[in-house]
Amino acid sequence: MTYINLVTCYGRAGLIEGVKRIHRQMKSGEIGQSASLLNALVDAYRNLGKRDLADLVNQESWFDSYAQPEDETNVEDGSPS
């Protein structure tokens, strides 16, 4: 079973602690972050009536996408720095 399926099941079953646990593991790097998992977390939190936590996941994913270090390629000639 994938983490996406697990989050979906937790959300449908009303198991907020399970959703939070996977969210926490993803934030700590124990679980790889993907757009699909982020969407599953947002959907699960919304299904559980936790819009604030859904918004938090959205903010974290937005921040993470812009906080990634730039590719260390030399812009002038395209070679690595």
PDB file of N, CA and C in Angstrom:
ATOM      1  N   MET A   1       0.859  -1.181   0.000  1.00  0.00           N
ATOM      2  CA  MET A   1       0.000   0.000   0.000  1.00  0.00           C
ATOM      3  C   MET A   1       0.899   1.236   0.000  1.00  0.00           C
ATOM      4  N   THR A   2       0.550   2.198  -0.815  1.00  0.00           N
ATOM      5  CA  THR A   2       1.347   3.423  -0.882  1.00  0.00           C
ATOM      6  C   THR A   2       0.919   4.392   0.215  1.00  0.00           C
ATOM      7  N   TYR A   3       1.774   5.353   0.482  1.00  0.00           N
ATOM      8  CA  TYR A   3       1.436   6.374   1.469  1.00  0.00           C
ATOM      9  C   TYR A   3       0.244   7.201   1.012  1.00  0.00           C
ATOM     10  N   ILE A   4       0.111   7.388  -0.286  1.00  0.00           N
ATOM     11  CA  ILE A   4      -1.032   8.146  -0.811  1.00  0.00           C
ATOM     12  C   ILE A   4      -2.326   7.416  -0.478  1.00  0.00           C
ATOM     13  N   ASN A   5      -2.353   6.102  -0.733  1.00  0.00           N
ATOM     14  CA  ASN A   5      -3.546   5.314  -0.409  1.00  0.00           C
ATOM     15  C   ASN A   5      -3.809   5.298   1.091  1.00  0.00           C
ATOM     16  N   LEU A   6      -2.746   5.202   1.860  1.00  0.00           N
ATOM     17  CA  LEU A   6      -2.886   5.175   3.315  1.00  0.00           C
ATOM     18  C   LEU A   6      -3.477   6.485   3.835  1.00  0.00           C
ATOM     19  N   VAL A   7      -2.980   7.608   3.332  1.00  0.00           N
ATOM     20  CA  VAL A   7      -3.515   8.914   3.736  1.00  0.00           C
ATOM     21  C   VAL A   7      -4.986   9.023   3.349  1.00  0.00           C
ATOM     22  N   THR A   8      -5.320   8.568   2.145  1.00  0.00           N
ATOM     23  CA  THR A   8      -6.713   8.610   1.690  1.00  0.00           C
ATOM     24  C   THR A   8      -7.604   7.783   2.609  1.00  0.00           C
ATOM     25  N   CYS A   9      -7.153   6.592   2.968  1.00  0.00           N
ATOM     26  CA  CYS A   9      -7.932   5.731   3.874  1.00  0.00           C
ATOM     27  C   CYS A   9      -8.079   6.367   5.254  1.00  0.00           C
ATOM     28  N   TYR A  10      -6.984   6.924   5.779  1.00  0.00           N
ATOM     29  CA  TYR A  10      -7.060   7.601   7.073  1.00  0.00           C
ATOM     30  C   TYR A  10      -8.059   8.751   7.023  1.00  0.00           C
ATOM     31  N   GLY A  11      -8.029   9.519   5.964  1.00  0.00           N
ATOM     32  CA  GLY A  11      -8.940  10.650   5.835  1.00  0.00           C
ATOM     33  C   GLY A  11     -10.390  10.212   5.787  1.00  0.00           C
ATOM     34  N   ARG A  12     -10.675   9.170   5.020  1.00  0.00           N
ATOM     35  CA  ARG A  12     -12.049   8.668   4.903  1.00  0.00           C
ATOM     36  C   ARG A  12     -12.542   8.040   6.194  1.00  0.00           C
ATOM     37  N   ALA A  13     -11.616   7.427   6.944  1.00  0.00           N
ATOM     38  CA  ALA A  13     -11.985   6.762   8.195  1.00  0.00           C
ATOM     39  C   ALA A  13     -12.037   7.722   9.377  1.00  0.00           C
ATOM     40  N   GLY A  14     -11.629   8.973   9.163  1.00  0.00           N
ATOM     41  CA  GLY A  14     -11.652   9.943  10.253  1.00  0.00           C
ATOM     42  C   GLY A  14     -10.478   9.824  11.202  1.00  0.00           C
ATOM     43  N   LEU A  15      -9.393   9.229  10.745  1.00  0.00           N
ATOM     44  CA  LEU A  15      -8.225   9.008  11.598  1.00  0.00           C
ATOM     45  C   LEU A  15      -7.198  10.125  11.406  1.00  0.00           C
ATOM     46  N   ILE A  16      -7.454  11.241  12.043  1.00  0.00           N
ATOM     47  CA  ILE A  16      -6.596  12.429  11.907  1.00  0.00           C
ATOM     48  C   ILE A  16      -5.163  12.156  12.346  1.00  0.00           C
ATOM     49  N   GLU A  17      -4.981  11.348  13.379  1.00  0.00           N
ATOM     50  CA  GLU A  17      -3.628  11.087  13.877  1.00  0.00           C
ATOM     51  C   GLU A  17      -2.786  10.352  12.843  1.00  0.00           C
ATOM     52  N   GLY A  18      -3.410   9.469  12.066  1.00  0.00           N
ATOM     53  CA  GLY A  18      -2.681   8.781  11.006  1.00  0.00           C
ATOM     54  C   GLY A  18      -2.229   9.742   9.922  1.00  0.00           C
ATOM     55  N   VAL A  19      -3.114  10.665   9.544  1.00  0.00           N
ATOM     56  CA  VAL A  19      -2.773  11.672   8.537  1.00  0.00           C
ATOM     57  C   VAL A  19      -1.642  12.551   9.062  1.00  0.00           C
ATOM     58  N   LYS A  20      -1.746  12.978  10.310  1.00  0.00           N
ATOM     59  CA  LYS A  20      -0.706  13.826  10.904  1.00  0.00           C
ATOM     60  C   LYS A  20       0.637  13.106  10.969  1.00  0.00           C
ATOM     61  N   ARG A  21       0.603  11.800  11.272  1.00  0.00           N
ATOM     62  CA  ARG A  21       1.846  11.033  11.378  1.00  0.00           C
ATOM     63  C   ARG A  21       2.568  10.987  10.028  1.00  0.00           C
ATOM     64  N   ILE A  22       1.823  10.722   8.967  1.00  0.00           N
ATOM     65  CA  ILE A  22       2.445  10.675   7.645  1.00  0.00           C
ATOM     66  C   ILE A  22       2.938  12.064   7.240  1.00  0.00           C
ATOM     67  N   HIS A  23       2.167  13.087   7.557  1.00  0.00           N
ATOM     68  CA  HIS A  23       2.587  14.469   7.266  1.00  0.00           C
ATOM     69  C   HIS A  23       3.898  14.778   7.992  1.00  0.00           C
ATOM     70  N   ARG A  24       3.969  14.402   9.257  1.00  0.00           N
ATOM     71  CA  ARG A  24       5.171  14.640  10.060  1.00  0.00           C
ATOM     72  C   ARG A  24       6.375  13.874   9.480  1.00  0.00           C
ATOM     73  N   GLN A  25       6.157  12.622   9.070  1.00  0.00           N
ATOM     74  CA  GLN A  25       7.241  11.823   8.495  1.00  0.00           C
ATOM     75  C   GLN A  25       7.720  12.417   7.173  1.00  0.00           C
ATOM     76  N   MET A  26       6.794  12.958   6.399  1.00  0.00           N
ATOM     77  CA  MET A  26       7.171  13.584   5.138  1.00  0.00           C
ATOM     78  C   MET A  26       8.005  14.840   5.400  1.00  0.00           C
ATOM     79  N   LYS A  27       7.588  15.646   6.380  1.00  0.00           N
ATOM     80  CA  LYS A  27       8.320  16.872   6.705  1.00  0.00           C
ATOM     81  C   LYS A  27       9.724  16.565   7.217  1.00  0.00           C
ATOM     82  N   SER A  28       9.876  15.463   7.945  1.00  0.00           N
ATOM     83  CA  SER A  28      11.187  15.124   8.505  1.00  0.00           C
ATOM     84  C   SER A  28      12.090  14.423   7.494  1.00  0.00           C
ATOM     85  N   GLY A  29      11.547  14.062   6.346  1.00  0.00           N
ATOM     86  CA  GLY A  29      12.345  13.423   5.317  1.00  0.00           C
ATOM     87  C   GLY A  29      12.326  11.908   5.348  1.00  0.00           C
ATOM     88  N   GLU A  30      11.580  11.320   6.285  1.00  0.00           N
ATOM     89  CA  GLU A  30      11.480   9.864   6.347  1.00  0.00           C
ATOM     90  C   GLU A  30      10.729   9.311   5.140  1.00  0.00           C
ATOM     91  N   ILE A  31       9.805  10.109   4.611  1.00  0.00           N
ATOM     92  CA  ILE A  31       9.006   9.742   3.445  1.00  0.00           C
ATOM     93  C   ILE A  31       9.292  10.777   2.373  1.00  0.00           C
ATOM     94  N   GLY A  32       9.484  10.318   1.159  1.00  0.00           N
ATOM     95  CA  GLY A  32       9.736  11.237   0.056  1.00  0.00           C
ATOM     96  C   GLY A  32       8.514  12.087  -0.254  1.00  0.00           C
ATOM     97  N   GLN A  33       8.759  13.344  -0.542  1.00  0.00           N
ATOM     98  CA  GLN A  33       7.677  14.280  -0.850  1.00  0.00           C
ATOM     99  C   GLN A  33       7.350  14.215  -2.333  1.00  0.00           C
ATOM    100  N   SER A  34       6.057  14.161  -2.644  1.00  0.00           N
ATOM    101  CA  SER A  34       5.617  14.209  -4.037  1.00  0.00           C
ATOM    102  C   SER A  34       4.350  15.050  -4.109  1.00  0.00           C
ATOM    103  N   ALA A  35       4.059  15.531  -5.296  1.00  0.00           N
ATOM    104  CA  ALA A  35       2.849  16.334  -5.485  1.00  0.00           C
ATOM    105  C   ALA A  35       1.607  15.512  -5.170  1.00  0.00           C
ATOM    106  N   SER A  36       1.616  14.237  -5.522  1.00  0.00           N
ATOM    107  CA  SER A  36       0.456  13.376  -5.271  1.00  0.00           C
ATOM    108  C   SER A  36       0.225  13.172  -3.777  1.00  0.00           C
ATOM    109  N   LEU A  37       1.302  12.986  -3.030  1.00  0.00           N
ATOM    110  CA  LEU A  37       1.164  12.821  -1.582  1.00  0.00           C
ATOM    111  C   LEU A  37       0.698  14.122  -0.937  1.00  0.00           C
ATOM    112  N   LEU A  38       1.226  15.246  -1.387  1.00  0.00           N
ATOM    113  CA  LEU A  38       0.783  16.538  -0.857  1.00  0.00           C
ATOM    114  C   LEU A  38      -0.707  16.743  -1.120  1.00  0.00           C
ATOM    115  N   ASN A  39      -1.152  16.419  -2.329  1.00  0.00           N
ATOM    116  CA  ASN A  39      -2.575  16.550  -2.650  1.00  0.00           C
ATOM    117  C   ASN A  39      -3.427  15.623  -1.800  1.00  0.00           C
ATOM    118  N   ALA A  40      -2.942  14.401  -1.558  1.00  0.00           N
ATOM    119  CA  ALA A  40      -3.674  13.457  -0.713  1.00  0.00           C
ATOM    120  C   ALA A  40      -3.785  13.985   0.717  1.00  0.00           C
ATOM    121  N   LEU A  41      -2.709  14.587   1.227  1.00  0.00           N
ATOM    122  CA  LEU A  41      -2.748  15.169   2.570  1.00  0.00           C
ATOM    123  C   LEU A  41      -3.757  16.314   2.644  1.00  0.00           C
ATOM    124  N   VAL A  42      -3.733  17.186   1.648  1.00  0.00           N
ATOM    125  CA  VAL A  42      -4.676  18.311   1.618  1.00  0.00           C
ATOM    126  C   VAL A  42      -6.106  17.786   1.588  1.00  0.00           C
ATOM    127  N   ASP A  43      -6.374  16.815   0.716  1.00  0.00           N
ATOM    128  CA  ASP A  43      -7.726  16.253   0.610  1.00  0.00           C
ATOM    129  C   ASP A  43      -8.162  15.593   1.914  1.00  0.00           C
ATOM    130  N   ALA A  44      -7.248  14.845   2.541  1.00  0.00           N
ATOM    131  CA  ALA A  44      -7.582  14.164   3.792  1.00  0.00           C
ATOM    132  C   ALA A  44      -7.902  15.174   4.891  1.00  0.00           C
ATOM    133  N   TYR A  45      -7.075  16.202   5.022  1.00  0.00           N
ATOM    134  CA  TYR A  45      -7.339  17.221   6.039  1.00  0.00           C
ATOM    135  C   TYR A  45      -8.673  17.923   5.778  1.00  0.00           C
ATOM    136  N   ARG A  46      -8.966  18.204   4.523  1.00  0.00           N
ATOM    137  CA  ARG A  46     -10.248  18.848   4.205  1.00  0.00           C
ATOM    138  C   ARG A  46     -11.416  17.926   4.522  1.00  0.00           C
ATOM    139  N   ASN A  47     -11.280  16.640   4.189  1.00  0.00           N
ATOM    140  CA  ASN A  47     -12.339  15.673   4.504  1.00  0.00           C
ATOM    141  C   ASN A  47     -12.570  15.561   6.004  1.00  0.00           C
ATOM    142  N   LEU A  48     -11.524  15.790   6.763  1.00  0.00           N
ATOM    143  CA  LEU A  48     -11.617  15.723   8.220  1.00  0.00           C
ATOM    144  C   LEU A  48     -12.046  17.049   8.838  1.00  0.00           C
ATOM    145  N   GLY A  49     -12.311  18.039   7.998  1.00  0.00           N
ATOM    146  CA  GLY A  49     -12.742  19.343   8.503  1.00  0.00           C
ATOM    147  C   GLY A  49     -11.607  20.177   9.066  1.00  0.00           C
ATOM    148  N   LYS A  50     -10.388  19.859   8.687  1.00  0.00           N
ATOM    149  CA  LYS A  50      -9.206  20.578   9.193  1.00  0.00           C
ATOM    150  C   LYS A  50      -8.640  21.470   8.091  1.00  0.00           C
ATOM    151  N   ARG A  51      -9.410  22.466   7.716  1.00  0.00           N
ATOM    152  CA  ARG A  51      -9.009  23.362   6.626  1.00  0.00           C
ATOM    153  C   ARG A  51      -7.696  24.086   6.950  1.00  0.00           C
ATOM    154  N   ASP A  52      -7.484  24.410   8.225  1.00  0.00           N
ATOM    155  CA  ASP A  52      -6.245  25.088   8.609  1.00  0.00           C
ATOM    156  C   ASP A  52      -5.019  24.221   8.319  1.00  0.00           C
ATOM    157  N   LEU A  53      -5.124  22.927   8.576  1.00  0.00           N
ATOM    158  CA  LEU A  53      -4.004  22.031   8.298  1.00  0.00           C
ATOM    159  C   LEU A  53      -3.833  21.816   6.794  1.00  0.00           C
ATOM    160  N   ALA A  54      -4.944  21.779   6.060  1.00  0.00           N
ATOM    161  CA  ALA A  54      -4.871  21.673   4.598  1.00  0.00           C
ATOM    162  C   ALA A  54      -4.157  22.893   4.025  1.00  0.00           C
ATOM    163  N   ASP A  55      -4.495  24.064   4.538  1.00  0.00           N
ATOM    164  CA  ASP A  55      -3.837  25.293   4.081  1.00  0.00           C
ATOM    165  C   ASP A  55      -2.349  25.285   4.436  1.00  0.00           C
ATOM    166  N   LEU A  56      -2.019  24.735   5.604  1.00  0.00           N
ATOM    167  CA  LEU A  56      -0.621  24.641   6.025  1.00  0.00           C
ATOM    168  C   LEU A  56       0.182  23.772   5.053  1.00  0.00           C
ATOM    169  N   VAL A  57      -0.381  22.640   4.648  1.00  0.00           N
ATOM    170  CA  VAL A  57       0.305  21.767   3.688  1.00  0.00           C
ATOM    171  C   VAL A  57       0.517  22.509   2.376  1.00  0.00           C
ATOM    172  N   ASN A  58      -0.504  23.242   1.932  1.00  0.00           N
ATOM    173  CA  ASN A  58      -0.369  24.024   0.699  1.00  0.00           C
ATOM    174  C   ASN A  58       0.746  25.055   0.816  1.00  0.00           C
ATOM    175  N   GLN A  59       0.810  25.740   1.951  1.00  0.00           N
ATOM    176  CA  GLN A  59       1.848  26.752   2.156  1.00  0.00           C
ATOM    177  C   GLN A  59       3.232  26.117   2.198  1.00  0.00           C
ATOM    178  N   GLU A  60       3.344  24.981   2.882  1.00  0.00           N
ATOM    179  CA  GLU A  60       4.633  24.289   2.965  1.00  0.00           C
ATOM    180  C   GLU A  60       5.093  23.841   1.588  1.00  0.00           C
ATOM    181  N   SER A  61       4.166  23.311   0.794  1.00  0.00           N
ATOM    182  CA  SER A  61       4.552  22.825  -0.533  1.00  0.00           C
ATOM    183  C   SER A  61       4.952  23.990  -1.429  1.00  0.00           C
ATOM    184  N   TRP A  62       4.265  25.107  -1.313  1.00  0.00           N
ATOM    185  CA  TRP A  62       4.609  26.287  -2.102  1.00  0.00           C
ATOM    186  C   TRP A  62       5.990  26.789  -1.692  1.00  0.00           C
ATOM    187  N   PHE A  63       6.225  26.868  -0.388  1.00  0.00           N
ATOM    188  CA  PHE A  63       7.515  27.340   0.111  1.00  0.00           C
ATOM    189  C   PHE A  63       8.632  26.406  -0.328  1.00  0.00           C
ATOM    190  N   ASP A  64       8.405  25.092  -0.183  1.00  0.00           N
ATOM    191  CA  ASP A  64       9.435  24.127  -0.556  1.00  0.00           C
ATOM    192  C   ASP A  64       9.781  24.207  -2.037  1.00  0.00           C
ATOM    193  N   SER A  65       8.791  24.446  -2.871  1.00  0.00           N
ATOM    194  CA  SER A  65       9.062  24.495  -4.310  1.00  0.00           C
ATOM    195  C   SER A  65       9.902  25.719  -4.675  1.00  0.00           C
ATOM    196  N   TYR A  66       9.777  26.792  -3.916  1.00  0.00           N
ATOM    197  CA  TYR A  66      10.557  27.996  -4.192  1.00  0.00           C
ATOM    198  C   TYR A  66      11.847  28.071  -3.385  1.00  0.00           C
ATOM    199  N   ALA A  67      11.993  27.228  -2.374  1.00  0.00           N
ATOM    200  CA  ALA A  67      13.183  27.265  -1.530  1.00  0.00           C
ATOM    201  C   ALA A  67      14.267  26.311  -2.019  1.00  0.00           C
ATOM    202  N   GLN A  68      13.973  25.520  -3.057  1.00  0.00           N
ATOM    203  CA  GLN A  68      14.968  24.589  -3.576  1.00  0.00           C
ATOM    204  C   GLN A  68      16.148  25.370  -4.139  1.00  0.00           C
ATOM    205  N   PRO A  69      17.360  24.908  -3.872  1.00  0.00           N
ATOM    206  CA  PRO A  69      18.530  25.606  -4.414  1.00  0.00           C
ATOM    207  C   PRO A  69      18.538  25.519  -5.936  1.00  0.00           C
ATOM    208  N   GLU A  70      19.014  26.566  -6.548  1.00  0.00           N
ATOM    209  CA  GLU A  70      19.109  26.607  -8.005  1.00  0.00           C
ATOM    210  C   GLU A  70      20.154  25.608  -8.472  1.00  0.00           C
ATOM    211  N   ASP A  71      19.990  25.130  -9.682  1.00  0.00           N
ATOM    212  CA  ASP A  71      20.966  24.250 -10.303  1.00  0.00           C
ATOM    213  C   ASP A  71      22.303  24.988 -10.363  1.00  0.00           C
ATOM    214  N   GLU A  72      23.367  24.315 -10.004  1.00  0.00           N
ATOM    215  CA  GLU A  72      24.675  24.961  -9.948  1.00  0.00           C
ATOM    216  C   GLU A  72      25.365  24.950 -11.307  1.00  0.00           C
ATOM    217  N   THR A  73      24.620  25.254 -12.338  1.00  0.00           N
ATOM    218  CA  THR A  73      25.183  25.316 -13.681  1.00  0.00           C
ATOM    219  C   THR A  73      25.580  26.750 -13.985  1.00  0.00           C
ATOM    220  N   ASN A  74      26.726  26.919 -14.596  1.00  0.00           N
ATOM    221  CA  ASN A  74      27.185  28.245 -14.982  1.00  0.00           C
ATOM    222  C   ASN A  74      26.275  28.756 -16.090  1.00  0.00           C
ATOM    223  N   VAL A  75      25.602  29.851 -15.844  1.00  0.00           N
ATOM    224  CA  VAL A  75      24.624  30.394 -16.770  1.00  0.00           C
ATOM    225  C   VAL A  75      25.264  30.812 -18.088  1.00  0.00           C
ATOM    226  N   GLU A  76      26.482  31.309 -18.049  1.00  0.00           N
ATOM    227  CA  GLU A  76      27.124  31.836 -19.253  1.00  0.00           C
ATOM    228  C   GLU A  76      27.446  30.751 -20.274  1.00  0.00           C
ATOM    229  N   ASP A  77      28.050  29.642 -19.829  1.00  0.00           N
ATOM    230  CA  ASP A  77      28.451  28.634 -20.805  1.00  0.00           C
ATOM    231  C   ASP A  77      27.770  27.285 -20.612  1.00  0.00           C
ATOM    232  N   GLY A  78      26.905  27.148 -19.595  1.00  0.00           N
ATOM    233  CA  GLY A  78      26.165  25.917 -19.367  1.00  0.00           C
ATOM    234  C   GLY A  78      26.955  24.814 -18.696  1.00  0.00           C
ATOM    235  N   SER A  79      28.188  25.096 -18.282  1.00  0.00           N
ATOM    236  CA  SER A  79      28.997  24.085 -17.618  1.00  0.00           C
ATOM    237  C   SER A  79      28.783  24.148 -16.116  1.00  0.00           C
ATOM    238  N   PRO A  80      28.992  23.013 -15.441  1.00  0.00           N
ATOM    239  CA  PRO A  80      28.857  23.027 -13.974  1.00  0.00           C
ATOM    240  C   PRO A  80      29.858  23.985 -13.350  1.00  0.00           C
ATOM    241  N   SER A  81      29.490  24.585 -12.231  1.00  0.00           N
ATOM    242  CA  SER A  81      30.361  25.554 -11.548  1.00  0.00           C
ATOM    243  C   SER A  81      31.552  24.882 -10.918  1.00  0.00           C
TER     244      SER A  81
END
